[in-house]
Amino acid sequence: MIISVTQQHIDRGLKGSCTKDPIALACQDAGMKKPFIGPYVISDNHEVEYYVPEAARQFMKDYDNDKLVFPFDFELEGY
């Protein structure tokens, strides 16, 4: 599945949050019930885990460190 992180997700996201950051919001919009974002895995309702691609890890790091980030897409393999 392709996850699209939009400018709206970036604007509404909360830095340092595992459930309300832009990637979590994008995963929720893509159909996940209860996304939880970690540095290496994304889980849905703490049951199913998916590997976080490098581009998404870098986005999280930049976002949490107040660096300029832009909308992007990434593939969540196995979803």
N, C-alpha and C. Protein backbone atom coordinates (compact mmCIF):
# COMPACT_ATOMS: atom_id res chain seq x y z
N MET A 1 0.84 -1.17 0.00
CA MET A 1 0.00 0.00 0.00
C MET A 1 0.89 1.24 0.00
N ILE A 2 0.45 2.24 -0.74
CA ILE A 2 1.15 3.53 -0.78
C ILE A 2 0.52 4.45 0.27
N ILE A 3 1.37 5.00 1.12
CA ILE A 3 0.94 5.97 2.13
C ILE A 3 1.35 7.35 1.62
N SER A 4 0.40 8.25 1.56
CA SER A 4 0.67 9.62 1.09
C SER A 4 0.59 10.58 2.26
N VAL A 5 1.73 11.14 2.60
CA VAL A 5 1.78 12.16 3.66
C VAL A 5 1.59 13.51 2.97
N THR A 6 0.50 14.17 3.27
CA THR A 6 0.15 15.44 2.62
C THR A 6 0.57 16.63 3.48
N GLN A 7 0.46 17.81 2.90
CA GLN A 7 0.74 19.03 3.66
C GLN A 7 -0.22 19.16 4.83
N GLN A 8 -1.45 18.73 4.65
CA GLN A 8 -2.43 18.78 5.73
C GLN A 8 -1.99 17.90 6.91
N HIS A 9 -1.43 16.72 6.61
CA HIS A 9 -0.92 15.86 7.69
C HIS A 9 0.24 16.54 8.41
N ILE A 10 1.11 17.17 7.64
CA ILE A 10 2.26 17.87 8.23
C ILE A 10 1.78 19.01 9.12
N ASP A 11 0.81 19.78 8.64
CA ASP A 11 0.31 20.92 9.40
C ASP A 11 -0.42 20.51 10.68
N ARG A 12 -1.13 19.39 10.64
CA ARG A 12 -1.91 18.93 11.81
C ARG A 12 -1.12 18.03 12.75
N GLY A 13 0.03 17.53 12.31
CA GLY A 13 0.79 16.57 13.10
C GLY A 13 1.39 17.17 14.36
N LEU A 14 1.71 16.28 15.29
CA LEU A 14 2.35 16.67 16.55
C LEU A 14 3.75 16.08 16.61
N LYS A 15 4.72 16.93 16.80
CA LYS A 15 6.10 16.46 16.90
C LYS A 15 6.27 15.54 18.09
N GLY A 16 7.03 14.47 17.90
CA GLY A 16 7.33 13.54 18.98
C GLY A 16 6.21 12.59 19.34
N SER A 17 5.10 12.66 18.62
CA SER A 17 3.97 11.78 18.92
C SER A 17 4.04 10.51 18.09
N CYS A 18 3.76 9.39 18.70
CA CYS A 18 3.74 8.10 18.00
C CYS A 18 2.38 7.82 17.37
N THR A 19 1.39 8.59 17.74
CA THR A 19 0.03 8.35 17.24
C THR A 19 -0.58 9.54 16.51
N LYS A 20 0.04 10.70 16.58
CA LYS A 20 -0.51 11.90 15.97
C LYS A 20 0.48 12.64 15.08
N ASP A 21 1.60 12.01 14.76
CA ASP A 21 2.54 12.66 13.85
C ASP A 21 2.00 12.55 12.42
N PRO A 22 2.59 13.25 11.45
CA PRO A 22 2.04 13.24 10.09
C PRO A 22 1.93 11.84 9.48
N ILE A 23 2.89 10.98 9.76
CA ILE A 23 2.83 9.63 9.18
C ILE A 23 1.69 8.84 9.80
N ALA A 24 1.48 8.97 11.10
CA ALA A 24 0.35 8.28 11.74
C ALA A 24 -0.98 8.78 11.17
N LEU A 25 -1.09 10.09 10.96
CA LEU A 25 -2.32 10.64 10.39
C LEU A 25 -2.54 10.11 8.98
N ALA A 26 -1.47 10.02 8.19
CA ALA A 26 -1.57 9.51 6.83
C ALA A 26 -1.95 8.03 6.83
N CYS A 27 -1.39 7.26 7.74
CA CYS A 27 -1.73 5.84 7.85
C CYS A 27 -3.19 5.66 8.23
N GLN A 28 -3.66 6.50 9.11
CA GLN A 28 -5.07 6.44 9.52
C GLN A 28 -5.97 6.76 8.32
N ASP A 29 -5.62 7.77 7.55
CA ASP A 29 -6.40 8.11 6.36
C ASP A 29 -6.36 7.00 5.32
N ALA A 30 -5.30 6.19 5.34
CA ALA A 30 -5.17 5.08 4.39
C ALA A 30 -5.94 3.85 4.84
N GLY A 31 -6.50 3.89 6.06
CA GLY A 31 -7.33 2.77 6.49
C GLY A 31 -6.90 2.06 7.76
N MET A 32 -5.76 2.42 8.33
CA MET A 32 -5.37 1.78 9.58
C MET A 32 -6.30 2.23 10.70
N LYS A 33 -6.62 1.29 11.59
CA LYS A 33 -7.54 1.61 12.69
C LYS A 33 -6.86 2.45 13.76
N LYS A 34 -5.68 2.02 14.18
CA LYS A 34 -4.99 2.68 15.28
C LYS A 34 -3.48 2.63 15.03
N PRO A 35 -2.98 3.47 14.11
CA PRO A 35 -1.55 3.42 13.79
C PRO A 35 -0.68 3.91 14.94
N PHE A 36 0.44 3.21 15.13
CA PHE A 36 1.45 3.58 16.11
C PHE A 36 2.78 3.58 15.36
N ILE A 37 3.46 4.72 15.38
CA ILE A 37 4.67 4.89 14.58
C ILE A 37 5.90 4.83 15.48
N GLY A 38 6.78 3.89 15.18
CA GLY A 38 8.05 3.80 15.88
C GLY A 38 9.17 4.09 14.89
N PRO A 39 10.40 4.12 15.36
CA PRO A 39 11.50 4.44 14.46
C PRO A 39 11.75 3.38 13.39
N TYR A 40 11.37 2.13 13.65
CA TYR A 40 11.64 1.07 12.68
C TYR A 40 10.41 0.29 12.25
N VAL A 41 9.32 0.42 13.00
CA VAL A 41 8.10 -0.29 12.63
C VAL A 41 6.88 0.61 12.80
N ILE A 42 5.89 0.34 11.96
CA ILE A 42 4.58 0.95 12.09
C ILE A 42 3.64 -0.19 12.44
N SER A 43 2.87 -0.01 13.50
CA SER A 43 1.93 -1.07 13.85
C SER A 43 0.51 -0.54 13.75
N ASP A 44 -0.39 -1.47 13.50
CA ASP A 44 -1.81 -1.14 13.44
C ASP A 44 -2.47 -1.80 14.64
N ASN A 45 -2.95 -0.98 15.56
CA ASN A 45 -3.61 -1.47 16.76
C ASN A 45 -2.68 -2.36 17.60
N HIS A 46 -1.38 -2.10 17.52
CA HIS A 46 -0.35 -2.86 18.25
C HIS A 46 -0.38 -4.36 17.94
N GLU A 47 -0.95 -4.72 16.79
CA GLU A 47 -1.05 -6.14 16.45
C GLU A 47 -0.16 -6.50 15.26
N VAL A 48 -0.30 -5.80 14.16
CA VAL A 48 0.44 -6.11 12.95
C VAL A 48 1.52 -5.05 12.79
N GLU A 49 2.75 -5.48 12.48
CA GLU A 49 3.86 -4.55 12.33
C GLU A 49 4.36 -4.53 10.90
N TYR A 50 4.73 -3.34 10.45
CA TYR A 50 5.28 -3.14 9.12
C TYR A 50 6.59 -2.39 9.24
N TYR A 51 7.55 -2.75 8.42
CA TYR A 51 8.87 -2.12 8.41
C TYR A 51 8.76 -0.68 7.90
N VAL A 52 9.42 0.26 8.56
CA VAL A 52 9.43 1.67 8.15
C VAL A 52 10.56 1.88 7.14
N PRO A 53 10.23 2.30 5.92
CA PRO A 53 11.27 2.57 4.92
C PRO A 53 12.17 3.74 5.33
N GLU A 54 13.36 3.78 4.78
CA GLU A 54 14.34 4.80 5.13
C GLU A 54 13.80 6.22 4.91
N ALA A 55 13.09 6.45 3.82
CA ALA A 55 12.56 7.79 3.55
C ALA A 55 11.61 8.25 4.66
N ALA A 56 10.81 7.34 5.18
CA ALA A 56 9.88 7.68 6.26
C ALA A 56 10.64 7.92 7.57
N ARG A 57 11.68 7.13 7.82
CA ARG A 57 12.49 7.34 9.04
C ARG A 57 13.15 8.72 8.99
N GLN A 58 13.69 9.08 7.82
CA GLN A 58 14.35 10.38 7.69
C GLN A 58 13.34 11.51 7.85
N PHE A 59 12.15 11.34 7.29
CA PHE A 59 11.10 12.35 7.45
C PHE A 59 10.79 12.55 8.93
N MET A 60 10.60 11.46 9.68
CA MET A 60 10.29 11.56 11.12
C MET A 60 11.39 12.31 11.86
N LYS A 61 12.62 11.96 11.56
CA LYS A 61 13.76 12.60 12.22
C LYS A 61 13.78 14.10 11.92
N ASP A 62 13.62 14.45 10.65
CA ASP A 62 13.62 15.86 10.26
C ASP A 62 12.45 16.60 10.88
N TYR A 63 11.26 16.02 10.83
CA TYR A 63 10.06 16.66 11.37
C TYR A 63 10.22 16.92 12.87
N ASP A 64 10.69 15.92 13.60
CA ASP A 64 10.84 16.07 15.05
C ASP A 64 11.95 17.03 15.43
N ASN A 65 12.87 17.28 14.51
CA ASN A 65 13.98 18.21 14.77
C ASN A 65 13.78 19.57 14.10
N ASP A 66 12.51 19.88 13.80
CA ASP A 66 12.13 21.19 13.24
C ASP A 66 12.81 21.54 11.93
N LYS A 67 13.15 20.52 11.14
CA LYS A 67 13.69 20.77 9.80
C LYS A 67 12.52 20.85 8.83
N LEU A 68 12.74 21.52 7.73
CA LEU A 68 11.71 21.68 6.72
C LEU A 68 11.43 20.34 6.06
N VAL A 69 10.17 19.93 6.03
CA VAL A 69 9.77 18.67 5.40
C VAL A 69 8.68 18.97 4.37
N PHE A 70 8.53 18.06 3.44
CA PHE A 70 7.59 18.21 2.35
C PHE A 70 6.72 16.97 2.24
N PRO A 71 5.55 17.09 1.63
CA PRO A 71 4.71 15.92 1.40
C PRO A 71 5.49 14.86 0.60
N PHE A 72 5.19 13.61 0.86
CA PHE A 72 5.85 12.51 0.15
C PHE A 72 4.99 11.26 0.26
N ASP A 73 5.32 10.29 -0.56
CA ASP A 73 4.66 8.98 -0.54
C ASP A 73 5.68 7.92 -0.22
N PHE A 74 5.24 6.86 0.44
CA PHE A 74 6.10 5.70 0.65
C PHE A 74 5.25 4.44 0.63
N GLU A 75 5.89 3.33 0.34
CA GLU A 75 5.17 2.07 0.28
C GLU A 75 5.30 1.32 1.60
N LEU A 76 4.18 0.91 2.10
CA LEU A 76 4.14 0.10 3.32
C LEU A 76 3.93 -1.34 2.87
N GLU A 77 5.03 -2.07 2.77
CA GLU A 77 4.97 -3.42 2.23
C GLU A 77 4.24 -4.36 3.17
N GLY A 78 3.37 -5.17 2.60
CA GLY A 78 2.64 -6.15 3.37
C GLY A 78 1.31 -5.68 3.88
N TYR A 79 0.98 -4.40 3.66
CA TYR A 79 -0.30 -3.88 4.14
C TYR A 79 -1.35 -4.08 3.09
